[in-house]
Every structure is written in C-alpha cells, then in structure tokens.
Amino acid sequence: MGDNSRINWIDTAKGIGIVLVVIGHTRFFPKAIIDMIFTFHMPLFFFLSGYVFREKSNFYVAQIKQLLLKYVILSFAFSTSYCYLSGGGGTRIMLNP
C-alpha cells in the first residue's frame, strides 16, 4: 500500500507548510503572525523539494540550461528596451509632487 521511497519527516513538513500557507492567506490571524509565516513558507517548500531532488537524466539538465539562457537573454532585452523607451531613467519616483 505505502510507497517506501517517501521520507516521512519531509511529508510532515510539507503538510505543515501547506497548513501555514492556508493560515497566511486568511484574515483571522494578526498581521504579525501572517508576516512571520510569509518569511519562511516558500523557502521551506524550495528547501524540501531540493532535498529530495534526484537527477534522473542529463536531459533535464540540458533543458534547464536552455530555458535559463533564453530567460537571461529575454530579461536583458526587455529591461534594456524598457529603460530606452522610458528615457533612460527607468521608474521615477516623485517624493514631493
């Protein structure tokens, strides 16, 4: 019945993380508690996912490298064009309008 390849403490930590995400998106708790939950709930999921990640083949690594390269090129192109079209100053903040 059960899958023996699962790690119980990771499943428990993910469950607690899911409950904290739900609590964080409700308005029944004080803002300080919600802010505290938001400081670690997403890093918790990334840490746990990275802990159990096993590279299955070089295919995934090649795909990630290709996507990352495209992301960097497009991000650079969009940010440079935005700066050029906005007059070179990017976003301007007026402190005393």
C-alpha atoms as a PDB file:
ATOM      1  CA  MET A   1       0.000   0.000   0.000  1.00  0.00           C
ATOM      2  CA  GLY A   2       2.518   2.630   1.095  1.00  0.00           C
ATOM      3  CA  ASP A   3       5.388   3.895  -1.001  1.00  0.00           C
ATOM      4  CA  ASN A   4       8.582   3.041   0.902  1.00  0.00           C
ATOM      5  CA  SER A   5      10.663   5.595  -1.007  1.00  0.00           C
ATOM      6  CA  ARG A   6       8.920   8.502   0.744  1.00  0.00           C
ATOM      7  CA  ILE A   7      10.557  10.259   3.680  1.00  0.00           C
ATOM      8  CA  ASN A   8       8.045  10.746   6.492  1.00  0.00           C
ATOM      9  CA  TRP A   9       9.514  13.871   8.069  1.00  0.00           C
ATOM     10  CA  ILE A  10       9.554  15.632   4.688  1.00  0.00           C
ATOM     11  CA  ASP A  11       5.921  14.725   4.056  1.00  0.00           C
ATOM     12  CA  THR A  12       5.059  16.019   7.524  1.00  0.00           C
ATOM     13  CA  ALA A  13       6.988  19.264   6.958  1.00  0.00           C
ATOM     14  CA  LYS A  14       5.216  19.777   3.612  1.00  0.00           C
ATOM     15  CA  GLY A  15       1.859  19.220   5.299  1.00  0.00           C
ATOM     16  CA  ILE A  16       2.674  21.771   7.986  1.00  0.00           C
ATOM     17  CA  GLY A  17       3.822  24.159   5.257  1.00  0.00           C
ATOM     18  CA  ILE A  18       0.532  23.747   3.394  1.00  0.00           C
ATOM     19  CA  VAL A  19      -1.429  24.497   6.560  1.00  0.00           C
ATOM     20  CA  LEU A  20       0.718  27.598   7.137  1.00  0.00           C
ATOM     21  CA  VAL A  21       0.060  28.796   3.568  1.00  0.00           C
ATOM     22  CA  VAL A  22      -3.682  28.477   4.173  1.00  0.00           C
ATOM     23  CA  ILE A  23      -3.368  30.324   7.511  1.00  0.00           C
ATOM     24  CA  GLY A  24      -1.284  33.018   5.833  1.00  0.00           C
ATOM     25  CA  HIS A  25      -4.000  33.668   3.262  1.00  0.00           C
ATOM     26  CA  THR A  26      -6.766  34.117   5.797  1.00  0.00           C
ATOM     27  CA  ARG A  27      -7.634  37.266   7.706  1.00  0.00           C
ATOM     28  CA  PHE A  28      -8.379  35.578  11.019  1.00  0.00           C
ATOM     29  CA  PHE A  29      -4.861  35.952  12.418  1.00  0.00           C
ATOM     30  CA  PRO A  30      -2.905  39.057  13.415  1.00  0.00           C
ATOM     31  CA  LYS A  31      -0.772  40.661  10.696  1.00  0.00           C
ATOM     32  CA  ALA A  32       2.417  39.930  12.659  1.00  0.00           C
ATOM     33  CA  ILE A  33       1.759  36.178  12.536  1.00  0.00           C
ATOM     34  CA  ILE A  34       0.908  36.279   8.831  1.00  0.00           C
ATOM     35  CA  ASP A  35       4.066  38.293   8.109  1.00  0.00           C
ATOM     36  CA  MET A  36       6.123  35.770  10.070  1.00  0.00           C
ATOM     37  CA  ILE A  37       4.613  32.865   8.103  1.00  0.00           C
ATOM     38  CA  PHE A  38       5.340  34.635   4.807  1.00  0.00           C
ATOM     39  CA  THR A  39       9.023  34.955   5.699  1.00  0.00           C
ATOM     40  CA  PHE A  40       9.664  31.215   5.502  1.00  0.00           C
ATOM     41  CA  HIS A  41       6.822  29.210   3.953  1.00  0.00           C
ATOM     42  CA  MET A  42       8.012  29.416   0.322  1.00  0.00           C
ATOM     43  CA  PRO A  43      11.707  28.867   1.157  1.00  0.00           C
ATOM     44  CA  LEU A  44      10.564  25.826   3.147  1.00  0.00           C
ATOM     45  CA  PHE A  45       8.997  24.274   0.033  1.00  0.00           C
ATOM     46  CA  PHE A  46      12.058  25.058  -2.094  1.00  0.00           C
ATOM     47  CA  PHE A  47      14.378  23.538   0.510  1.00  0.00           C
ATOM     48  CA  LEU A  48      12.306  20.374   0.857  1.00  0.00           C
ATOM     49  CA  SER A  49      11.974  19.964  -2.905  1.00  0.00           C
ATOM     50  CA  GLY A  50      15.711  20.402  -3.367  1.00  0.00           C
ATOM     51  CA  TYR A  51      16.418  17.937  -0.578  1.00  0.00           C
ATOM     52  CA  VAL A  52      14.594  15.112  -2.341  1.00  0.00           C
ATOM     53  CA  PHE A  53      15.533  16.064  -5.928  1.00  0.00           C
ATOM     54  CA  ARG A  54      17.384  13.353  -7.802  1.00  0.00           C
ATOM     55  CA  GLU A  55      18.719  13.970 -11.251  1.00  0.00           C
ATOM     56  CA  LYS A  56      17.102  11.344 -13.453  1.00  0.00           C
ATOM     57  CA  SER A  57      18.959  12.099 -16.639  1.00  0.00           C
ATOM     58  CA  ASN A  58      21.075  14.716 -18.351  1.00  0.00           C
ATOM     59  CA  PHE A  59      18.047  15.581 -20.488  1.00  0.00           C
ATOM     60  CA  TYR A  60      16.564  17.673 -17.666  1.00  0.00           C
ATOM     61  CA  VAL A  61      19.836  19.494 -17.074  1.00  0.00           C
ATOM     62  CA  ALA A  62      20.126  20.362 -20.773  1.00  0.00           C
ATOM     63  CA  GLN A  63      16.529  21.607 -20.849  1.00  0.00           C
ATOM     64  CA  ILE A  64      17.066  23.760 -17.761  1.00  0.00           C
ATOM     65  CA  LYS A  65      20.222  25.276 -19.247  1.00  0.00           C
ATOM     66  CA  GLN A  66      18.420  26.107 -22.497  1.00  0.00           C
ATOM     67  CA  LEU A  67      15.477  27.693 -20.679  1.00  0.00           C
ATOM     68  CA  LEU A  68      17.748  29.630 -18.342  1.00  0.00           C
ATOM     69  CA  LEU A  69      19.753  31.014 -21.262  1.00  0.00           C
ATOM     70  CA  LYS A  70      16.561  32.117 -23.035  1.00  0.00           C
ATOM     71  CA  TYR A  71      15.290  33.693 -19.813  1.00  0.00           C
ATOM     72  CA  VAL A  72      18.502  35.688 -19.291  1.00  0.00           C
ATOM     73  CA  ILE A  73      18.555  36.900 -22.908  1.00  0.00           C
ATOM     74  CA  LEU A  74      14.878  37.919 -22.890  1.00  0.00           C
ATOM     75  CA  SER A  75      15.137  39.585 -19.470  1.00  0.00           C
ATOM     76  CA  PHE A  76      18.103  41.615 -20.655  1.00  0.00           C
ATOM     77  CA  ALA A  77      16.308  42.576 -23.884  1.00  0.00           C
ATOM     78  CA  PHE A  78      13.115  43.614 -22.089  1.00  0.00           C
ATOM     79  CA  SER A  79      14.879  45.572 -19.355  1.00  0.00           C
ATOM     80  CA  THR A  80      17.115  47.425 -21.834  1.00  0.00           C
ATOM     81  CA  SER A  81      14.199  48.265 -24.108  1.00  0.00           C
ATOM     82  CA  TYR A  82      12.172  49.443 -21.094  1.00  0.00           C
ATOM     83  CA  CYS A  83      14.989  51.720 -19.955  1.00  0.00           C
ATOM     84  CA  TYR A  84      15.441  53.044 -23.506  1.00  0.00           C
ATOM     85  CA  LEU A  85      11.731  53.700 -24.046  1.00  0.00           C
ATOM     86  CA  SER A  86      11.295  55.337 -20.643  1.00  0.00           C
ATOM     87  CA  GLY A  87      14.026  57.859 -21.350  1.00  0.00           C
ATOM     88  CA  GLY A  88      16.881  56.031 -19.702  1.00  0.00           C
ATOM     89  CA  GLY A  89      15.748  56.756 -16.196  1.00  0.00           C
ATOM     90  CA  GLY A  90      13.604  53.722 -15.540  1.00  0.00           C
ATOM     91  CA  THR A  91      10.929  54.353 -12.953  1.00  0.00           C
ATOM     92  CA  ARG A  92      10.982  57.814 -11.495  1.00  0.00           C
ATOM     93  CA  ILE A  93       9.679  58.417  -8.024  1.00  0.00           C
ATOM     94  CA  MET A  94       8.431  61.861  -7.095  1.00  0.00           C
ATOM     95  CA  LEU A  95       8.868  62.475  -3.413  1.00  0.00           C
ATOM     96  CA  ASN A  96       7.203  65.896  -3.373  1.00  0.00           C
ATOM     97  CA  PRO A  97       4.570  66.100  -6.121  1.00  0.00           C
END
